[in-house]
Every structure is written in structure tokens, then in C-alpha cells.
Amino acid sequence: MNLRRCLILFPLVLLGATLEQAAPPTTTGNVTIQLPAGWLVQTGTGRTVLTARTPQPDKDAGGQFQAMLTITQDAGNNINPDVLKAQLAKEPNYKSVEDPNPVVVNGMQGVRFAGVITRGTLQLYSRQYMFVVNKQIYVITFTSLSSLWQVYQQKVEASIATFTVKK
């Protein structure tokens, strides 16, 4: 089996394993994404394309938080990982845990990065993806309690793998 075929089949195997109980794809405007079944979806207004929340809040020693995935869009045609990293370093309650790295999803080139945000006693994990399509920057952000990121990781990554923007 050649490398190209492996790279095409691997995401399909991953999707089959983690989105078995997925809701039908959600399309709003020119964006489509398949989310886990049971997640509560609201279409957005303005820059927010959509917000999806888990069915109920999670709790840990730091408090309670309802995990969410948001997609926003804004005008732009460039993502500079170095500038992004410098901006994140200035945020007082943000600690980078994954530097901006290139990522490709459904032919769209972008960057992926993550950090931990401290809000009082809450430690929130935030994973973000940024893509430029049609002179628009799309930002997908998933936020959960840090202690529960690994519980959501496969579902979130499988959902991101279904993200498309109509060109």
C-alpha cells in the first residue's frame, strides 16, 4: 500500500472509530462539520458561525464547565504562526501547551495550537485550529476542563476532520 493511500485511509479509519454515534453533518452558511450525537448546536450571528456544547456540564476539583466547540470567521488572508505565538505569550492567564503547527484538513492548510487558560480555580484546555479560505479566517476552538481534554480529544479531532468550507 502506498503512502498516499495510507494518508487517505487513516482519517477514514479514525472517523469510523470515533464518530460512530455522530449527529448528521451540520451546515450553516458555507461551513459544514459533523459533531458528536447529543451535542447542542446553535447557529451563530456576526463572526460566530456556530457553537456546539456537550449535553451537560462537567465537574472537577476546580469547578464546573460545559465543554464547547465554536467556529468563528473574520476577514483575512494570512496566518503567521510566529505572530500568533507572540500574541499568545502576552495573555496573562494563558499557558501554551502546544505551539502553532501546520495542519491540513480536507485540503485546507492551517495551524493548530493549544493552551491552558486559568479562570479563578478553573483550568480550561483550549485547542484551536485556524484556516484561511476565500479571504476569510475560520477559527475552530474547543474548550473543556483541562482534566477532561483526553475524554473529548478523539471526538473533537474526528469532528475537525469533517470540517469543510464551501469555496
C-alpha atoms as a PDB file:
ATOM      1  CA  MET A   1       0.000   0.000   0.000  1.00  0.00           C
ATOM      2  CA  ASN A   2       1.499   3.339  -0.959  1.00  0.00           C
ATOM      3  CA  LEU A   3       1.891   6.294   1.411  1.00  0.00           C
ATOM      4  CA  ARG A   4      -0.735   8.416  -0.334  1.00  0.00           C
ATOM      5  CA  ARG A   5      -3.358   5.697   0.071  1.00  0.00           C
ATOM      6  CA  CYS A   6      -2.421   5.287   3.754  1.00  0.00           C
ATOM      7  CA  LEU A   7      -2.801   9.018   4.361  1.00  0.00           C
ATOM      8  CA  ILE A   8      -6.243   8.956   2.766  1.00  0.00           C
ATOM      9  CA  LEU A   9      -7.454   5.826   4.549  1.00  0.00           C
ATOM     10  CA  PHE A  10      -6.110   6.656   8.023  1.00  0.00           C
ATOM     11  CA  PRO A  11      -8.568   9.535   8.650  1.00  0.00           C
ATOM     12  CA  LEU A  12     -11.436   7.319   7.458  1.00  0.00           C
ATOM     13  CA  VAL A  13     -10.500   4.629   9.969  1.00  0.00           C
ATOM     14  CA  LEU A  14     -10.194   7.278  12.679  1.00  0.00           C
ATOM     15  CA  LEU A  15     -13.596   8.718  11.813  1.00  0.00           C
ATOM     16  CA  GLY A  16     -15.244   5.317  11.842  1.00  0.00           C
ATOM     17  CA  ALA A  17     -13.834   4.621  15.267  1.00  0.00           C
ATOM     18  CA  THR A  18     -14.757   7.900  16.931  1.00  0.00           C
ATOM     19  CA  LEU A  19     -17.826   9.290  15.210  1.00  0.00           C
ATOM     20  CA  GLU A  20     -19.887   6.092  15.247  1.00  0.00           C
ATOM     21  CA  GLN A  21     -22.575   7.931  17.159  1.00  0.00           C
ATOM     22  CA  ALA A  22     -22.294  11.229  15.348  1.00  0.00           C
ATOM     23  CA  ALA A  23     -25.132  13.532  14.546  1.00  0.00           C
ATOM     24  CA  PRO A  24     -25.825  14.261  10.882  1.00  0.00           C
ATOM     25  CA  PRO A  25     -23.488  16.922   9.465  1.00  0.00           C
ATOM     26  CA  THR A  26     -24.364  20.475  10.494  1.00  0.00           C
ATOM     27  CA  THR A  27     -24.233  23.082   7.736  1.00  0.00           C
ATOM     28  CA  THR A  28     -24.533  26.771   8.434  1.00  0.00           C
ATOM     29  CA  GLY A  29     -23.668  29.297   5.755  1.00  0.00           C
ATOM     30  CA  ASN A  30     -20.755  27.825   3.823  1.00  0.00           C
ATOM     31  CA  VAL A  31     -19.412  25.717   6.733  1.00  0.00           C
ATOM     32  CA  THR A  32     -20.121  22.023   7.369  1.00  0.00           C
ATOM     33  CA  ILE A  33     -18.992  19.914  10.321  1.00  0.00           C
ATOM     34  CA  GLN A  34     -20.133  16.623  11.818  1.00  0.00           C
ATOM     35  CA  LEU A  35     -20.406  16.767  15.613  1.00  0.00           C
ATOM     36  CA  PRO A  36     -20.897  14.014  18.189  1.00  0.00           C
ATOM     37  CA  ALA A  37     -24.504  12.927  18.742  1.00  0.00           C
ATOM     38  CA  GLY A  38     -26.263  14.744  21.555  1.00  0.00           C
ATOM     39  CA  TRP A  39     -24.211  17.930  21.370  1.00  0.00           C
ATOM     40  CA  LEU A  40     -26.373  21.060  21.500  1.00  0.00           C
ATOM     41  CA  VAL A  41     -25.852  23.190  18.395  1.00  0.00           C
ATOM     42  CA  GLN A  42     -26.697  26.869  17.970  1.00  0.00           C
ATOM     43  CA  THR A  43     -26.087  28.729  14.753  1.00  0.00           C
ATOM     44  CA  GLY A  44     -24.306  31.978  15.342  1.00  0.00           C
ATOM     45  CA  THR A  45     -24.641  35.586  14.420  1.00  0.00           C
ATOM     46  CA  GLY A  46     -21.965  38.026  13.362  1.00  0.00           C
ATOM     47  CA  ARG A  47     -18.494  36.477  13.492  1.00  0.00           C
ATOM     48  CA  THR A  48     -19.696  33.333  15.308  1.00  0.00           C
ATOM     49  CA  VAL A  49     -20.733  30.700  12.756  1.00  0.00           C
ATOM     50  CA  LEU A  50     -21.863  28.119  15.310  1.00  0.00           C
ATOM     51  CA  THR A  51     -21.496  26.992  18.899  1.00  0.00           C
ATOM     52  CA  ALA A  52     -21.872  23.368  19.995  1.00  0.00           C
ATOM     53  CA  ARG A  53     -21.975  22.360  23.642  1.00  0.00           C
ATOM     54  CA  THR A  54     -21.780  18.986  25.306  1.00  0.00           C
ATOM     55  CA  PRO A  55     -25.119  17.747  26.684  1.00  0.00           C
ATOM     56  CA  GLN A  56     -24.253  18.664  30.282  1.00  0.00           C
ATOM     57  CA  PRO A  57     -21.561  20.483  32.257  1.00  0.00           C
ATOM     58  CA  ASP A  58     -18.508  18.613  33.538  1.00  0.00           C
ATOM     59  CA  LYS A  59     -17.083  18.941  37.053  1.00  0.00           C
ATOM     60  CA  ASP A  60     -13.662  18.530  38.595  1.00  0.00           C
ATOM     61  CA  ALA A  61     -11.932  19.815  41.726  1.00  0.00           C
ATOM     62  CA  GLY A  62     -11.626  23.295  40.161  1.00  0.00           C
ATOM     63  CA  GLY A  63     -15.308  23.711  39.389  1.00  0.00           C
ATOM     64  CA  GLN A  64     -17.889  23.182  36.671  1.00  0.00           C
ATOM     65  CA  PHE A  65     -17.746  23.973  32.939  1.00  0.00           C
ATOM     66  CA  GLN A  66     -19.774  22.918  29.898  1.00  0.00           C
ATOM     67  CA  ALA A  67     -17.346  21.949  27.140  1.00  0.00           C
ATOM     68  CA  MET A  68     -17.924  23.709  23.836  1.00  0.00           C
ATOM     69  CA  LEU A  69     -16.768  23.963  20.256  1.00  0.00           C
ATOM     70  CA  THR A  70     -17.128  27.265  18.432  1.00  0.00           C
ATOM     71  CA  ILE A  71     -16.449  28.256  14.854  1.00  0.00           C
ATOM     72  CA  THR A  72     -15.841  31.919  14.066  1.00  0.00           C
ATOM     73  CA  GLN A  73     -14.889  33.694  10.874  1.00  0.00           C
ATOM     74  CA  ASP A  74     -13.346  37.039  10.102  1.00  0.00           C
ATOM     75  CA  ALA A  75     -11.797  38.729   7.103  1.00  0.00           C
ATOM     76  CA  GLY A  76      -8.168  37.863   6.494  1.00  0.00           C
ATOM     77  CA  ASN A  77      -5.838  36.048   4.175  1.00  0.00           C
ATOM     78  CA  ASN A  78      -2.808  35.113   6.268  1.00  0.00           C
ATOM     79  CA  ILE A  79      -1.981  33.191   9.437  1.00  0.00           C
ATOM     80  CA  ASN A  80       1.528  33.757  10.748  1.00  0.00           C
ATOM     81  CA  PRO A  81       2.413  31.180  13.449  1.00  0.00           C
ATOM     82  CA  ASP A  82       5.249  33.346  14.820  1.00  0.00           C
ATOM     83  CA  VAL A  83       2.965  36.347  15.298  1.00  0.00           C
ATOM     84  CA  LEU A  84       0.304  34.080  16.786  1.00  0.00           C
ATOM     85  CA  LYS A  85       2.794  32.608  19.266  1.00  0.00           C
ATOM     86  CA  ALA A  86       3.946  36.100  20.305  1.00  0.00           C
ATOM     87  CA  GLN A  87       0.349  37.249  20.838  1.00  0.00           C
ATOM     88  CA  LEU A  88      -0.480  34.202  22.965  1.00  0.00           C
ATOM     89  CA  ALA A  89       2.620  34.768  25.116  1.00  0.00           C
ATOM     90  CA  LYS A  90       1.193  38.182  26.121  1.00  0.00           C
ATOM     91  CA  GLU A  91      -2.024  36.693  27.536  1.00  0.00           C
ATOM     92  CA  PRO A  92      -1.649  36.686  31.342  1.00  0.00           C
ATOM     93  CA  ASN A  93      -3.926  33.693  32.068  1.00  0.00           C
ATOM     94  CA  TYR A  94      -2.853  31.559  29.081  1.00  0.00           C
ATOM     95  CA  LYS A  95      -0.094  28.947  29.142  1.00  0.00           C
ATOM     96  CA  SER A  96       0.849  27.417  25.802  1.00  0.00           C
ATOM     97  CA  VAL A  97       0.937  23.609  25.813  1.00  0.00           C
ATOM     98  CA  GLU A  98       1.194  23.126  22.035  1.00  0.00           C
ATOM     99  CA  ASP A  99       2.941  25.633  19.767  1.00  0.00           C
ATOM    100  CA  PRO A 100       1.289  26.541  16.456  1.00  0.00           C
ATOM    101  CA  ASN A 101       1.918  23.708  13.997  1.00  0.00           C
ATOM    102  CA  PRO A 102       0.823  23.268  10.390  1.00  0.00           C
ATOM    103  CA  VAL A 103      -2.249  21.129   9.801  1.00  0.00           C
ATOM    104  CA  VAL A 104      -4.212  20.130   6.690  1.00  0.00           C
ATOM    105  CA  VAL A 105      -7.912  19.284   6.902  1.00  0.00           C
ATOM    106  CA  ASN A 106      -9.813  18.375   3.752  1.00  0.00           C
ATOM    107  CA  GLY A 107      -7.234  20.159   1.614  1.00  0.00           C
ATOM    108  CA  MET A 108      -7.320  23.337   3.728  1.00  0.00           C
ATOM    109  CA  GLN A 109      -3.951  24.442   5.110  1.00  0.00           C
ATOM    110  CA  GLY A 110      -3.977  25.891   8.598  1.00  0.00           C
ATOM    111  CA  VAL A 111      -2.425  25.838  12.044  1.00  0.00           C
ATOM    112  CA  ARG A 112      -3.288  24.031  15.267  1.00  0.00           C
ATOM    113  CA  PHE A 113      -2.267  25.061  18.778  1.00  0.00           C
ATOM    114  CA  ALA A 114      -3.413  24.643  22.357  1.00  0.00           C
ATOM    115  CA  GLY A 115      -3.123  26.175  25.776  1.00  0.00           C
ATOM    116  CA  VAL A 116      -4.453  26.135  29.299  1.00  0.00           C
ATOM    117  CA  ILE A 117      -6.467  29.121  30.489  1.00  0.00           C
ATOM    118  CA  THR A 118      -6.816  29.825  34.200  1.00  0.00           C
ATOM    119  CA  ARG A 119     -10.100  31.388  35.366  1.00  0.00           C
ATOM    120  CA  GLY A 120     -10.118  31.522  39.129  1.00  0.00           C
ATOM    121  CA  THR A 121      -9.996  27.868  40.229  1.00  0.00           C
ATOM    122  CA  LEU A 122     -10.872  26.571  36.745  1.00  0.00           C
ATOM    123  CA  GLN A 123      -8.162  25.183  34.472  1.00  0.00           C
ATOM    124  CA  LEU A 124      -9.546  25.162  30.911  1.00  0.00           C
ATOM    125  CA  TYR A 125      -7.893  23.421  27.974  1.00  0.00           C
ATOM    126  CA  SER A 126      -8.335  25.250  24.669  1.00  0.00           C
ATOM    127  CA  ARG A 127      -7.415  23.644  21.327  1.00  0.00           C
ATOM    128  CA  GLN A 128      -7.669  25.918  18.298  1.00  0.00           C
ATOM    129  CA  TYR A 129      -7.472  25.399  14.555  1.00  0.00           C
ATOM    130  CA  MET A 130      -7.204  28.279  12.074  1.00  0.00           C
ATOM    131  CA  PHE A 131      -7.764  28.081   8.312  1.00  0.00           C
ATOM    132  CA  VAL A 132      -7.842  30.681   5.542  1.00  0.00           C
ATOM    133  CA  VAL A 133     -10.436  30.093   2.826  1.00  0.00           C
ATOM    134  CA  ASN A 134     -11.872  32.669   0.401  1.00  0.00           C
ATOM    135  CA  LYS A 135     -10.121  35.570   2.202  1.00  0.00           C
ATOM    136  CA  GLN A 136     -11.772  34.535   5.474  1.00  0.00           C
ATOM    137  CA  ILE A 137     -10.032  33.160   8.566  1.00  0.00           C
ATOM    138  CA  TYR A 138     -12.019  30.369  10.198  1.00  0.00           C
ATOM    139  CA  VAL A 139     -11.170  29.608  13.810  1.00  0.00           C
ATOM    140  CA  ILE A 140     -12.401  26.420  15.450  1.00  0.00           C
ATOM    141  CA  THR A 141     -11.983  26.438  19.221  1.00  0.00           C
ATOM    142  CA  PHE A 142     -12.731  23.562  21.572  1.00  0.00           C
ATOM    143  CA  THR A 143     -12.648  24.334  25.294  1.00  0.00           C
ATOM    144  CA  SER A 144     -13.108  21.935  28.195  1.00  0.00           C
ATOM    145  CA  LEU A 145     -11.886  21.393  31.714  1.00  0.00           C
ATOM    146  CA  SER A 146      -8.172  20.570  31.403  1.00  0.00           C
ATOM    147  CA  SER A 147      -8.674  17.403  33.398  1.00  0.00           C
ATOM    148  CA  LEU A 148     -11.148  16.123  30.786  1.00  0.00           C
ATOM    149  CA  TRP A 149      -9.433  17.050  27.489  1.00  0.00           C
ATOM    150  CA  GLN A 150      -8.397  13.438  26.878  1.00  0.00           C
ATOM    151  CA  VAL A 151     -12.021  12.318  27.304  1.00  0.00           C
ATOM    152  CA  TYR A 152     -13.034  14.584  24.407  1.00  0.00           C
ATOM    153  CA  GLN A 153      -9.889  14.502  22.282  1.00  0.00           C
ATOM    154  CA  GLN A 154     -10.817  11.711  19.820  1.00  0.00           C
ATOM    155  CA  LYS A 155     -14.340  13.040  19.284  1.00  0.00           C
ATOM    156  CA  VAL A 156     -13.110  16.584  18.726  1.00  0.00           C
ATOM    157  CA  GLU A 157     -10.343  15.542  16.342  1.00  0.00           C
ATOM    158  CA  ALA A 158     -12.773  13.344  14.406  1.00  0.00           C
ATOM    159  CA  SER A 159     -15.207  16.269  14.121  1.00  0.00           C
ATOM    160  CA  ILE A 160     -12.446  18.608  12.939  1.00  0.00           C
ATOM    161  CA  ALA A 161     -11.561  16.048  10.264  1.00  0.00           C
ATOM    162  CA  THR A 162     -15.065  16.555   8.800  1.00  0.00           C
ATOM    163  CA  PHE A 163     -14.819  20.373   8.683  1.00  0.00           C
ATOM    164  CA  THR A 164     -15.302  21.846   5.221  1.00  0.00           C
ATOM    165  CA  VAL A 165     -15.854  25.335   3.793  1.00  0.00           C
ATOM    166  CA  LYS A 166     -17.683  25.756   0.506  1.00  0.00           C
ATOM    167  CA  LYS A 167     -15.391  27.607  -1.877  1.00  0.00           C
END
